[in-house]
Every structure is written in structure tokens, then in C-alpha cells.
Amino acid sequence: MSNIKDFMTQSHRDCDEIFAQMEDAVAAKSDEAVVKFEEFADALTNHFKMEEMVLFPAFEEASGMREGPTQVMVMEHEQMRELLSKMSRAIEDKDKFFGLSETLMILMQQHNMKEEQMLYTMIQERLEDDADHIISRMRTVAY
């Protein structure tokens, strides 16, 4: 049986790895900088889609908690999307880009910690019997 918490935590780690590669490419003024930024933006956006389109609605339905932690996470997703948008416009301005990327990194770290330490545990407990199906649906939505 699959574990939702492990699956989503790995998705965080995958995004973190691409984020580091993106920052390295921008710092080196590499021709790959834009490609790496787009790869990171796609990975993060796909992670959000898995949560917003599948995981959070399933949890809200099963728990009845529609105005709780999932809504806070979605608001934070919106903040991160806005930072991504600003970063895409600033990719040629290294100083501005890294100021935005530092803000995004801090927000992601705090956000991921809340999900991994609290929300994913609650979701795994509530949706454990449907974990295989939910993970399968998330994979379909994201990629």
C-alpha cells in the first residue's frame, strides 16, 4: 500500500533539487538558466496541482474540514505563484532574481514543514485506505 505522506514529501525534495540546479544555472549565467527556471516552475506548479485538484479536495470531503489547513496552504501556493511570476521577469537581473528566489525558498521551507509535519500526517491517517487510488490520480493530474 502506498503512503501519501512519503509520496508528497518526495515531491518536495524533487522540487528542492531542481530549485538548487536553477539557482546554480542563474548564478553561472548559464544558457540553461531559463530552461532550469522553467523546469522548476513546472515541477512546483505540478506539485500544487496534485494538492489542489486531488489531495486537498479528497481530504476536505473525508474530514469535513473545508475552511482549515488546506485553505491556508492554497493561499501560500498563491504567494509562491506570484513569486514565480516575478522571478520569470527578473531572470536576467541576477540581484533581483536572487532576492526573489531567497524569499521563495524561505516560504517553501516554512510551507513544506507545515505540510510534512502536520497536514500530510492528518491526510495519510484519514485517507490511508484510498492512498493507492489518490496517488494514481495525482500522477495523472500532474504529468
C-alpha atoms as a PDB file:
ATOM      1  CA  MET A   1       0.000   0.000   0.000  1.00  0.00           C
ATOM      2  CA  SER A   2       1.232   3.476  -0.899  1.00  0.00           C
ATOM      3  CA  ASN A   3       1.896   6.245   1.573  1.00  0.00           C
ATOM      4  CA  ILE A   4       0.611   9.707   0.667  1.00  0.00           C
ATOM      5  CA  LYS A   5       2.915  11.471   3.115  1.00  0.00           C
ATOM      6  CA  ASP A   6       6.009   9.788   1.659  1.00  0.00           C
ATOM      7  CA  PHE A   7       4.890  10.461  -1.914  1.00  0.00           C
ATOM      8  CA  MET A   8       4.257  14.157  -1.313  1.00  0.00           C
ATOM      9  CA  THR A   9       7.414  14.616   0.769  1.00  0.00           C
ATOM     10  CA  GLN A  10       9.424  13.142  -2.112  1.00  0.00           C
ATOM     11  CA  SER A  11       7.735  15.625  -4.426  1.00  0.00           C
ATOM     12  CA  HIS A  12       9.001  18.415  -2.145  1.00  0.00           C
ATOM     13  CA  ARG A  13      12.535  17.003  -2.300  1.00  0.00           C
ATOM     14  CA  ASP A  14      12.380  16.760  -6.092  1.00  0.00           C
ATOM     15  CA  CYS A  15      11.349  20.433  -6.295  1.00  0.00           C
ATOM     16  CA  ASP A  16      14.152  21.388  -3.889  1.00  0.00           C
ATOM     17  CA  GLU A  17      16.729  19.647  -6.077  1.00  0.00           C
ATOM     18  CA  ILE A  18      15.555  21.410  -9.230  1.00  0.00           C
ATOM     19  CA  PHE A  19      15.474  24.724  -7.317  1.00  0.00           C
ATOM     20  CA  ALA A  20      19.166  24.303  -6.408  1.00  0.00           C
ATOM     21  CA  GLN A  21      20.035  23.476 -10.030  1.00  0.00           C
ATOM     22  CA  MET A  22      18.120  26.548 -11.191  1.00  0.00           C
ATOM     23  CA  GLU A  23      19.964  28.850  -8.791  1.00  0.00           C
ATOM     24  CA  ASP A  24      23.315  27.399  -9.870  1.00  0.00           C
ATOM     25  CA  ALA A  25      22.471  27.973 -13.539  1.00  0.00           C
ATOM     26  CA  VAL A  26      21.378  31.575 -12.928  1.00  0.00           C
ATOM     27  CA  ALA A  27      24.459  32.317 -10.797  1.00  0.00           C
ATOM     28  CA  ALA A  28      26.714  30.971 -13.561  1.00  0.00           C
ATOM     29  CA  LYS A  29      24.785  32.953 -16.199  1.00  0.00           C
ATOM     30  CA  SER A  30      24.432  29.637 -17.952  1.00  0.00           C
ATOM     31  CA  ASP A  31      22.496  29.230 -21.177  1.00  0.00           C
ATOM     32  CA  GLU A  32      20.491  26.671 -19.192  1.00  0.00           C
ATOM     33  CA  ALA A  33      19.188  29.270 -16.693  1.00  0.00           C
ATOM     34  CA  VAL A  34      15.836  29.813 -18.387  1.00  0.00           C
ATOM     35  CA  VAL A  35      15.400  26.077 -19.014  1.00  0.00           C
ATOM     36  CA  LYS A  36      16.137  25.273 -15.373  1.00  0.00           C
ATOM     37  CA  PHE A  37      13.789  28.011 -14.196  1.00  0.00           C
ATOM     38  CA  GLU A  38      11.011  26.609 -16.383  1.00  0.00           C
ATOM     39  CA  GLU A  39      11.750  23.085 -15.139  1.00  0.00           C
ATOM     40  CA  PHE A  40      11.478  24.277 -11.542  1.00  0.00           C
ATOM     41  CA  ALA A  41       8.321  26.299 -12.196  1.00  0.00           C
ATOM     42  CA  ASP A  42       6.722  23.271 -13.872  1.00  0.00           C
ATOM     43  CA  ALA A  43       7.676  20.944 -11.005  1.00  0.00           C
ATOM     44  CA  LEU A  44       6.337  23.323  -8.357  1.00  0.00           C
ATOM     45  CA  THR A  45       3.168  24.032 -10.318  1.00  0.00           C
ATOM     46  CA  ASN A  46       2.591  20.307 -10.807  1.00  0.00           C
ATOM     47  CA  HIS A  47       3.014  19.749  -7.074  1.00  0.00           C
ATOM     48  CA  PHE A  48       0.391  22.419  -6.394  1.00  0.00           C
ATOM     49  CA  LYS A  49      -1.965  20.805  -8.933  1.00  0.00           C
ATOM     50  CA  MET A  50      -1.680  17.433  -7.217  1.00  0.00           C
ATOM     51  CA  GLU A  51      -2.643  19.012  -3.927  1.00  0.00           C
ATOM     52  CA  GLU A  52      -5.302  21.446  -5.115  1.00  0.00           C
ATOM     53  CA  MET A  53      -7.052  19.221  -7.647  1.00  0.00           C
ATOM     54  CA  VAL A  54      -6.863  15.831  -5.920  1.00  0.00           C
ATOM     55  CA  LEU A  55      -5.360  15.617  -2.436  1.00  0.00           C
ATOM     56  CA  PHE A  56      -6.919  18.583  -0.671  1.00  0.00           C
ATOM     57  CA  PRO A  57     -10.449  18.032  -2.040  1.00  0.00           C
ATOM     58  CA  ALA A  58     -10.278  14.336  -1.042  1.00  0.00           C
ATOM     59  CA  PHE A  59      -9.172  15.282   2.460  1.00  0.00           C
ATOM     60  CA  GLU A  60     -11.778  18.032   2.791  1.00  0.00           C
ATOM     61  CA  GLU A  61     -14.509  15.607   1.706  1.00  0.00           C
ATOM     62  CA  ALA A  62     -13.371  12.864   4.091  1.00  0.00           C
ATOM     63  CA  SER A  63     -12.752  15.142   7.069  1.00  0.00           C
ATOM     64  CA  GLY A  64     -15.371  17.832   6.568  1.00  0.00           C
ATOM     65  CA  MET A  65     -12.621  20.439   7.144  1.00  0.00           C
ATOM     66  CA  ARG A  66     -13.157  22.831   4.252  1.00  0.00           C
ATOM     67  CA  GLU A  67     -12.046  26.081   5.892  1.00  0.00           C
ATOM     68  CA  GLY A  68      -8.974  24.759   7.656  1.00  0.00           C
ATOM     69  CA  PRO A  69      -5.371  23.929   6.908  1.00  0.00           C
ATOM     70  CA  THR A  70      -5.873  23.184   3.223  1.00  0.00           C
ATOM     71  CA  GLN A  71      -7.123  26.711   2.609  1.00  0.00           C
ATOM     72  CA  VAL A  72      -4.046  28.150   4.317  1.00  0.00           C
ATOM     73  CA  MET A  73      -1.839  26.003   2.070  1.00  0.00           C
ATOM     74  CA  VAL A  74      -3.689  27.176  -1.058  1.00  0.00           C
ATOM     75  CA  MET A  75      -3.184  30.816  -0.021  1.00  0.00           C
ATOM     76  CA  GLU A  76       0.526  30.114   0.352  1.00  0.00           C
ATOM     77  CA  HIS A  77       0.541  28.453  -3.087  1.00  0.00           C
ATOM     78  CA  GLU A  78      -0.804  31.715  -4.497  1.00  0.00           C
ATOM     79  CA  GLN A  79       2.019  33.665  -2.837  1.00  0.00           C
ATOM     80  CA  MET A  80       4.562  31.280  -4.354  1.00  0.00           C
ATOM     81  CA  ARG A  81       2.954  31.514  -7.806  1.00  0.00           C
ATOM     82  CA  GLU A  82       3.271  35.299  -7.612  1.00  0.00           C
ATOM     83  CA  LEU A  83       6.958  34.993  -6.723  1.00  0.00           C
ATOM     84  CA  LEU A  84       7.481  32.610  -9.658  1.00  0.00           C
ATOM     85  CA  SER A  85       5.898  35.151 -11.964  1.00  0.00           C
ATOM     86  CA  LYS A  86       8.191  37.894 -10.680  1.00  0.00           C
ATOM     87  CA  MET A  87      11.216  35.606 -10.944  1.00  0.00           C
ATOM     88  CA  SER A  88      10.453  34.804 -14.581  1.00  0.00           C
ATOM     89  CA  ARG A  89      10.535  38.522 -15.387  1.00  0.00           C
ATOM     90  CA  ALA A  90      13.736  39.074 -13.385  1.00  0.00           C
ATOM     91  CA  ILE A  91      15.837  36.165 -14.629  1.00  0.00           C
ATOM     92  CA  GLU A  92      18.236  38.483 -16.495  1.00  0.00           C
ATOM     93  CA  ASP A  93      18.699  40.694 -13.401  1.00  0.00           C
ATOM     94  CA  LYS A  94      20.689  38.425 -11.116  1.00  0.00           C
ATOM     95  CA  ASP A  95      20.384  40.598  -7.991  1.00  0.00           C
ATOM     96  CA  LYS A  96      16.631  40.968  -8.284  1.00  0.00           C
ATOM     97  CA  PHE A  97      16.213  37.290  -9.204  1.00  0.00           C
ATOM     98  CA  PHE A  98      18.147  36.086  -6.156  1.00  0.00           C
ATOM     99  CA  GLY A  99      16.239  38.397  -3.831  1.00  0.00           C
ATOM    100  CA  LEU A 100      13.014  36.837  -5.073  1.00  0.00           C
ATOM    101  CA  SER A 101      14.400  33.301  -5.021  1.00  0.00           C
ATOM    102  CA  GLU A 102      15.538  33.736  -1.421  1.00  0.00           C
ATOM    103  CA  THR A 103      12.044  34.860  -0.444  1.00  0.00           C
ATOM    104  CA  LEU A 104      10.571  31.887  -2.286  1.00  0.00           C
ATOM    105  CA  MET A 105      12.996  29.465  -0.648  1.00  0.00           C
ATOM    106  CA  ILE A 106      12.073  30.679   2.844  1.00  0.00           C
ATOM    107  CA  LEU A 107       8.364  30.493   2.065  1.00  0.00           C
ATOM    108  CA  MET A 108       8.749  26.993   0.580  1.00  0.00           C
ATOM    109  CA  GLN A 109      10.700  25.756   3.602  1.00  0.00           C
ATOM    110  CA  GLN A 110       8.076  27.010   6.047  1.00  0.00           C
ATOM    111  CA  HIS A 111       5.224  25.759   3.874  1.00  0.00           C
ATOM    112  CA  ASN A 112       6.758  22.311   3.353  1.00  0.00           C
ATOM    113  CA  MET A 113       7.457  21.917   7.053  1.00  0.00           C
ATOM    114  CA  LYS A 114       3.791  22.574   7.896  1.00  0.00           C
ATOM    115  CA  GLU A 115       2.650  20.087   5.288  1.00  0.00           C
ATOM    116  CA  GLU A 116       5.166  17.383   6.149  1.00  0.00           C
ATOM    117  CA  GLN A 117       4.903  17.643   9.921  1.00  0.00           C
ATOM    118  CA  MET A 118       1.169  18.166  10.256  1.00  0.00           C
ATOM    119  CA  LEU A 119      -1.068  18.173   7.207  1.00  0.00           C
ATOM    120  CA  TYR A 120       0.290  15.133   5.356  1.00  0.00           C
ATOM    121  CA  THR A 121       0.127  13.103   8.554  1.00  0.00           C
ATOM    122  CA  MET A 122      -3.532  14.060   9.018  1.00  0.00           C
ATOM    123  CA  ILE A 123      -4.245  13.288   5.363  1.00  0.00           C
ATOM    124  CA  GLN A 124      -2.461   9.920   5.476  1.00  0.00           C
ATOM    125  CA  GLU A 125      -4.431   8.887   8.562  1.00  0.00           C
ATOM    126  CA  ARG A 126      -7.754   9.959   7.053  1.00  0.00           C
ATOM    127  CA  LEU A 127      -7.188   8.652   3.510  1.00  0.00           C
ATOM    128  CA  GLU A 128      -4.949   5.636   4.141  1.00  0.00           C
ATOM    129  CA  ASP A 129      -7.401   3.141   2.630  1.00  0.00           C
ATOM    130  CA  ASP A 130      -7.571   5.153  -0.623  1.00  0.00           C
ATOM    131  CA  ALA A 131      -3.867   6.053  -0.819  1.00  0.00           C
ATOM    132  CA  ASP A 132      -3.086   3.997  -3.939  1.00  0.00           C
ATOM    133  CA  HIS A 133      -6.013   5.483  -5.838  1.00  0.00           C
ATOM    134  CA  ILE A 134      -5.276   9.051  -4.706  1.00  0.00           C
ATOM    135  CA  ILE A 135      -1.590   8.826  -5.648  1.00  0.00           C
ATOM    136  CA  SER A 136      -2.543   7.400  -9.028  1.00  0.00           C
ATOM    137  CA  ARG A 137      -4.936  10.310  -9.615  1.00  0.00           C
ATOM    138  CA  MET A 138      -2.291  12.843  -8.544  1.00  0.00           C
ATOM    139  CA  ARG A 139       0.223  11.386 -11.004  1.00  0.00           C
ATOM    140  CA  THR A 140      -2.350  11.716 -13.784  1.00  0.00           C
ATOM    141  CA  VAL A 141      -3.152  15.336 -12.945  1.00  0.00           C
ATOM    142  CA  ALA A 142       0.422  16.494 -12.641  1.00  0.00           C
ATOM    143  CA  TYR A 143       2.095  14.928 -15.639  1.00  0.00           C
END
